[in-house]
Amino acid sequence: MVAASKMRKAQEAALAGRPFVNTLYRFQRLATTQLIDLKHPLLEVRPVRKRAVILVGADKGLCGALNSNLFRLASQFDPQSTVFLTAGRKAAQFVAVTKRQLIAEFAYGDEPRFPEARAIVSLARDLFLKKEVDEVRVLATRFVNTLTQTAVSLEFLPVGEIKGMSIPTAEPEETLVTHFKEILFEPSPGAFLGYLLSHYLNIYMYQVLLNAKASEQSARMVSMKNATDSAENLIDDLTLEYNKLRQNNITQELLEIAGGQAA
C-alpha cells in the first residue's frame, strides 16, 4: 500500500506540471527565435570540445531495466571530453564504477523539491557561462505510463530547440523561423529574456526530476509485482512437484504392502 501510494503521488506530480512546462517551452521558442538580433550568453552556440551531462538516475535498485537503459545511453559519451553531474545514488555509482569524470553529486528525495533542481541548474549554468563546457545535456527517464518509462537525452544548454523528445504544444521550428510575429517586450527584450531563461532552466530541471521519480516508483512497483508473480508461480510448481512425489511414494508403499500380503 505504501509503495502504491508513493507511485500514485509521483505520477500525479509529474503529469500535473506538464501543461505549464510545455507552455513555457513554447514561450521560450517564440522569444528566442523572434529576438534574432539580441545576444545572450545562455544562447551562445559553440563548437563542442567538452560537454557536461546531467545524469538523473534512481536512488535505489530493484526497478527492472530502468537504470541499465539510462546508463547504456550515458556510456555512449566520450569519457575524455565529458564530465558528469549526477542526481541519485545509482547515477553517481555508475560514474564512479566506469571511472568517468564526476564534478558534483546531488540528491533528491521521493518528493523532489524546486530548490534541489535549482542547485543543479546553478552549477551547470556556471560551467557553461565560464566556458568550461560548450554544451550541457540532460540524461533522464521520461515517464509515459506505469508500464512504460523511456530513457532520453535532452538538450539543456545552450538554450534552444529540444530535439530529444516530442513536445505536443510546440510549434514547428520552420514556422517559428519563417513567420515573424509582432511582439512587445516589457521592460526591454534583454530584461525579459534574462528573466525567462533563468526560470525556464529551473523549471525544466524540476520537471526532469519529477519525471525521473515517477518513472522510478512505477518501474519498482511493476518489477516487484513481476517478482511476486514469479515467486508465486514457482511455489505452485514446487508444490505440484512435491505432491506428485508424495503420491508416488504412497503408491509405492501400498504396492509393497499388497505384495507382502500376497506372498
Protein backbone atom coordinates (compact mmCIF):
# COMPACT_ATOMS: atom_id res chain seq x y z
CA MET A 1 0.00 0.00 0.00
CA VAL A 2 2.84 2.40 0.83
CA ALA A 3 4.59 1.67 -2.49
CA ALA A 4 1.34 2.19 -4.41
CA SER A 5 0.73 5.49 -2.63
CA LYS A 6 4.25 6.72 -3.42
CA MET A 7 3.84 5.72 -7.06
CA ARG A 8 0.49 7.49 -7.39
CA LYS A 9 1.81 10.72 -5.82
CA ALA A 10 4.90 10.74 -8.03
CA GLN A 11 2.85 10.14 -11.17
CA GLU A 12 0.38 12.89 -10.31
CA ALA A 13 3.20 15.37 -9.67
CA ALA A 14 4.91 14.55 -12.97
CA LEU A 15 1.71 14.83 -15.02
CA ALA A 16 0.38 17.93 -13.28
CA GLY A 17 3.32 20.11 -14.32
CA ARG A 18 3.47 19.14 -17.97
CA PRO A 19 0.94 21.66 -19.37
CA PHE A 20 2.80 24.55 -17.71
CA VAL A 21 6.23 23.30 -18.80
CA ASN A 22 5.03 22.80 -22.38
CA THR A 23 3.64 26.35 -22.44
CA LEU A 24 6.88 27.72 -21.00
CA TYR A 25 8.87 25.92 -23.70
CA ARG A 26 6.59 27.46 -26.33
CA PHE A 27 7.27 30.94 -24.90
CA GLN A 28 10.99 30.23 -24.92
CA ARG A 29 10.96 29.25 -28.58
CA LEU A 30 8.84 32.23 -29.57
CA ALA A 31 11.08 34.67 -27.71
CA THR A 32 14.45 33.27 -28.75
CA THR A 33 13.51 32.95 -32.43
CA GLN A 34 11.99 36.43 -32.63
CA LEU A 35 14.88 38.21 -30.90
CA ILE A 36 17.44 37.28 -33.53
CA ASP A 37 19.46 40.47 -33.01
CA LEU A 38 19.74 40.05 -29.25
CA LYS A 39 22.69 38.09 -27.94
CA HIS A 40 22.53 36.29 -24.61
CA PRO A 41 25.29 34.10 -23.09
CA LEU A 42 22.88 31.21 -22.50
CA LEU A 43 22.00 31.15 -26.22
CA GLU A 44 25.58 31.06 -27.49
CA VAL A 45 26.23 28.04 -29.71
CA ARG A 46 29.88 26.96 -29.69
CA PRO A 47 31.81 24.07 -31.25
CA VAL A 48 31.56 21.23 -28.75
CA ARG A 49 35.02 20.38 -27.44
CA LYS A 50 33.83 19.48 -23.96
CA ARG A 51 30.35 18.75 -22.69
CA ALA A 52 28.65 18.26 -19.35
CA VAL A 53 25.98 15.62 -18.84
CA ILE A 54 23.42 15.86 -16.05
CA LEU A 55 22.67 12.21 -15.31
CA VAL A 56 19.45 11.73 -13.33
CA GLY A 57 19.17 8.17 -12.04
CA ALA A 58 17.37 6.33 -9.27
CA ASP A 59 18.33 6.25 -5.62
CA LYS A 60 17.84 2.50 -5.31
CA GLY A 61 17.78 -0.61 -7.44
CA LEU A 62 15.00 -3.18 -7.75
CA CYS A 63 13.37 -1.23 -10.55
CA GLY A 64 13.87 -3.51 -13.52
CA ALA A 65 15.83 -2.20 -16.51
CA LEU A 66 15.25 1.46 -15.65
CA ASN A 67 18.80 2.23 -14.56
CA SER A 68 20.54 -0.04 -17.06
CA ASN A 69 18.71 1.57 -20.01
CA LEU A 70 19.71 5.02 -18.78
CA PHE A 71 23.34 4.07 -18.17
CA ARG A 72 23.56 2.42 -21.58
CA LEU A 73 22.71 5.81 -23.05
CA ALA A 74 25.28 7.54 -20.82
CA SER A 75 28.03 5.13 -21.85
CA GLN A 76 27.82 6.43 -25.44
CA PHE A 77 29.51 9.71 -24.47
CA ASP A 78 33.27 10.01 -24.80
CA PRO A 79 34.78 9.79 -21.27
CA GLN A 80 37.67 12.07 -22.24
CA SER A 81 35.52 15.01 -23.33
CA THR A 82 32.52 14.55 -20.99
CA VAL A 83 32.06 15.50 -17.35
CA PHE A 84 29.09 14.36 -15.29
CA LEU A 85 26.77 15.96 -12.77
CA THR A 86 24.65 13.28 -11.14
CA ALA A 87 21.35 13.19 -9.27
CA GLY A 88 20.54 9.96 -7.48
CA ARG A 89 22.88 7.47 -5.83
CA LYS A 90 22.77 4.92 -8.66
CA ALA A 91 23.88 7.56 -11.17
CA ALA A 92 26.88 8.52 -9.02
CA GLN A 93 27.79 4.85 -8.57
CA PHE A 94 27.71 4.31 -12.34
CA VAL A 95 30.08 7.22 -12.97
CA ALA A 96 32.46 6.03 -10.25
CA VAL A 97 32.49 2.39 -11.40
CA THR A 98 33.10 3.33 -15.05
CA LYS A 99 35.85 5.78 -13.99
CA ARG A 100 34.29 8.80 -15.66
CA GLN A 101 34.74 12.40 -14.58
CA LEU A 102 32.31 13.34 -11.80
CA ILE A 103 32.08 17.05 -10.98
CA ALA A 104 29.23 17.03 -8.47
CA GLU A 105 26.70 14.68 -6.92
CA PHE A 106 23.22 15.86 -5.96
CA ALA A 107 20.47 14.14 -4.01
CA TYR A 108 16.71 14.37 -4.45
CA GLY A 109 14.06 12.72 -2.34
CA ASP A 110 10.89 10.76 -3.01
CA GLU A 111 9.15 14.09 -3.49
CA PRO A 112 11.58 16.30 -5.48
CA ARG A 113 11.70 19.92 -4.39
CA PHE A 114 12.32 23.01 -6.51
CA PRO A 115 15.49 24.07 -4.62
CA GLU A 116 17.05 20.70 -5.49
CA ALA A 117 16.53 21.40 -9.19
CA ARG A 118 17.78 24.98 -8.84
CA ALA A 119 21.06 23.80 -7.27
CA ILE A 120 21.75 21.51 -10.24
CA VAL A 121 20.95 24.24 -12.74
CA SER A 122 23.15 26.76 -10.93
CA LEU A 123 26.27 24.62 -11.31
CA ALA A 124 25.51 23.62 -14.91
CA ARG A 125 24.88 27.25 -15.88
CA ASP A 126 28.14 28.38 -14.26
CA LEU A 127 30.11 25.74 -16.14
CA PHE A 128 28.59 26.90 -19.43
CA LEU A 129 28.94 30.65 -18.80
CA LYS A 130 32.59 30.24 -17.72
CA LYS A 131 33.16 28.27 -20.94
CA GLU A 132 34.44 25.25 -19.05
CA VAL A 133 32.00 23.24 -21.17
CA ASP A 134 30.47 24.05 -24.55
CA GLU A 135 27.28 22.05 -24.15
CA VAL A 136 25.12 20.66 -21.35
CA ARG A 137 22.79 17.72 -21.89
CA VAL A 138 20.31 16.00 -19.59
CA LEU A 139 20.06 12.21 -19.46
CA ALA A 140 16.99 11.09 -17.57
CA THR A 141 13.93 8.89 -17.74
CA ARG A 142 10.66 10.24 -19.10
CA PHE A 143 7.51 8.89 -17.51
CA VAL A 144 4.96 7.72 -20.08
CA ASN A 145 2.72 5.46 -18.01
CA THR A 146 3.02 2.86 -15.27
CA LEU A 147 4.36 0.23 -17.67
CA THR A 148 6.49 2.48 -19.90
CA GLN A 149 9.43 4.71 -19.00
CA THR A 150 11.82 5.95 -21.68
CA ALA A 151 15.46 6.96 -21.30
CA VAL A 152 16.02 10.27 -23.14
CA SER A 153 18.93 12.55 -23.97
CA LEU A 154 17.79 16.17 -24.00
CA GLU A 155 19.39 19.48 -24.96
CA PHE A 156 19.80 21.83 -21.98
CA LEU A 157 22.46 24.46 -22.76
CA PRO A 158 22.73 26.44 -24.93
CA VAL A 159 19.00 27.13 -24.70
CA GLY A 160 17.23 26.26 -27.90
CA GLU A 161 15.11 23.60 -29.57
CA ILE A 162 14.63 20.32 -27.71
CA LYS A 163 15.04 17.54 -30.26
CA GLY A 164 15.30 14.60 -27.87
CA MET A 165 11.55 14.27 -27.43
CA SER A 166 8.28 15.45 -28.93
CA ILE A 167 6.50 18.33 -27.19
CA PRO A 168 2.80 18.45 -28.20
CA THR A 169 2.18 22.21 -27.88
CA ALA A 170 5.41 23.34 -29.55
CA GLU A 171 5.15 24.96 -32.97
CA PRO A 172 7.34 23.52 -35.74
CA GLU A 173 10.72 25.23 -35.99
CA GLU A 174 10.09 26.07 -39.64
CA THR A 175 7.01 28.06 -38.62
CA LEU A 176 8.88 29.96 -35.91
CA VAL A 177 11.73 30.92 -38.23
CA THR A 178 9.71 31.93 -41.29
CA HIS A 179 6.64 33.53 -39.66
CA PHE A 180 7.60 36.52 -37.56
CA LYS A 181 5.08 37.95 -35.14
CA GLU A 182 4.99 41.44 -33.74
CA ILE A 183 5.79 41.06 -30.03
CA LEU A 184 6.29 43.83 -27.49
CA PHE A 185 8.66 43.00 -24.64
CA GLU A 186 8.48 44.97 -21.38
CA PRO A 187 10.51 46.50 -19.80
CA SER A 188 13.01 45.53 -22.54
CA PRO A 189 13.81 42.49 -24.67
CA GLY A 190 17.07 41.88 -22.80
CA ALA A 191 15.49 42.04 -19.34
CA PHE A 192 12.61 39.81 -20.40
CA LEU A 193 14.88 37.22 -21.96
CA GLY A 194 17.19 37.08 -18.94
CA TYR A 195 14.22 36.57 -16.60
CA LEU A 196 12.61 33.97 -18.89
CA LEU A 197 15.73 31.86 -19.43
CA SER A 198 16.59 31.74 -15.74
CA HIS A 199 13.15 30.48 -14.74
CA TYR A 200 12.88 28.26 -17.80
CA LEU A 201 16.02 26.27 -16.90
CA ASN A 202 14.99 25.84 -13.26
CA ILE A 203 11.50 24.63 -14.12
CA TYR A 204 12.85 22.43 -16.90
CA MET A 205 15.14 20.63 -14.44
CA TYR A 206 12.41 20.38 -11.80
CA GLN A 207 10.16 18.64 -14.31
CA VAL A 208 13.01 16.27 -15.19
CA LEU A 209 13.33 15.29 -11.51
CA LEU A 210 9.57 14.75 -11.20
CA ASN A 211 9.56 12.50 -14.27
CA ALA A 212 12.57 10.56 -13.02
CA LYS A 213 10.95 9.91 -9.66
CA ALA A 214 7.62 8.90 -11.23
CA SER A 215 9.50 6.54 -13.54
CA GLU A 216 11.47 5.03 -10.65
CA GLN A 217 8.42 4.42 -8.47
CA SER A 218 6.43 2.96 -11.37
CA ALA A 219 9.26 0.70 -12.54
CA ARG A 220 9.84 -0.54 -8.98
CA MET A 221 6.14 -1.27 -8.48
CA VAL A 222 5.97 -3.24 -11.73
CA SER A 223 9.25 -5.03 -11.01
CA MET A 224 8.12 -6.06 -7.53
CA LYS A 225 4.76 -7.27 -8.88
CA ASN A 226 6.56 -9.35 -11.52
CA ALA A 227 8.88 -10.77 -8.87
CA THR A 228 5.91 -11.62 -6.63
CA ASP A 229 4.07 -13.29 -9.51
CA SER A 230 7.19 -15.30 -10.43
CA ALA A 231 7.65 -16.41 -6.82
CA GLU A 232 4.01 -17.50 -6.58
CA ASN A 233 4.33 -19.44 -9.84
CA LEU A 234 7.49 -21.10 -8.55
CA ILE A 235 5.74 -22.03 -5.30
CA ASP A 236 2.84 -23.51 -7.26
CA ASP A 237 5.23 -25.54 -9.45
CA LEU A 238 7.21 -26.82 -6.44
CA THR A 239 4.02 -27.68 -4.56
CA LEU A 240 2.76 -29.64 -7.54
CA GLU A 241 6.08 -31.48 -7.83
CA TYR A 242 6.07 -32.23 -4.10
CA ASN A 243 2.55 -33.62 -4.26
CA LYS A 244 3.50 -35.82 -7.23
CA LEU A 245 6.50 -37.25 -5.38
CA ARG A 246 4.42 -37.75 -2.23
CA GLN A 247 1.71 -39.53 -4.20
CA ASN A 248 4.30 -41.74 -5.91
CA ASN A 249 5.81 -42.67 -2.53
CA ILE A 250 2.38 -43.52 -1.09
CA THR A 251 1.55 -45.64 -4.14
CA GLN A 252 4.88 -47.45 -3.88
CA GLU A 253 4.34 -48.20 -0.19
CA LEU A 254 0.83 -49.52 -0.88
CA LEU A 255 2.17 -51.79 -3.63
CA GLU A 256 4.86 -53.13 -1.29
CA ILE A 257 2.27 -53.84 1.43
CA ALA A 258 -0.01 -55.57 -1.06
CA GLY A 259 2.89 -57.59 -2.42
CA GLY A 260 3.92 -58.71 1.08
CA GLN A 261 0.40 -59.88 1.92
CA ALA A 262 0.19 -61.85 -1.32
CA ALA A 263 3.46 -63.60 -0.55
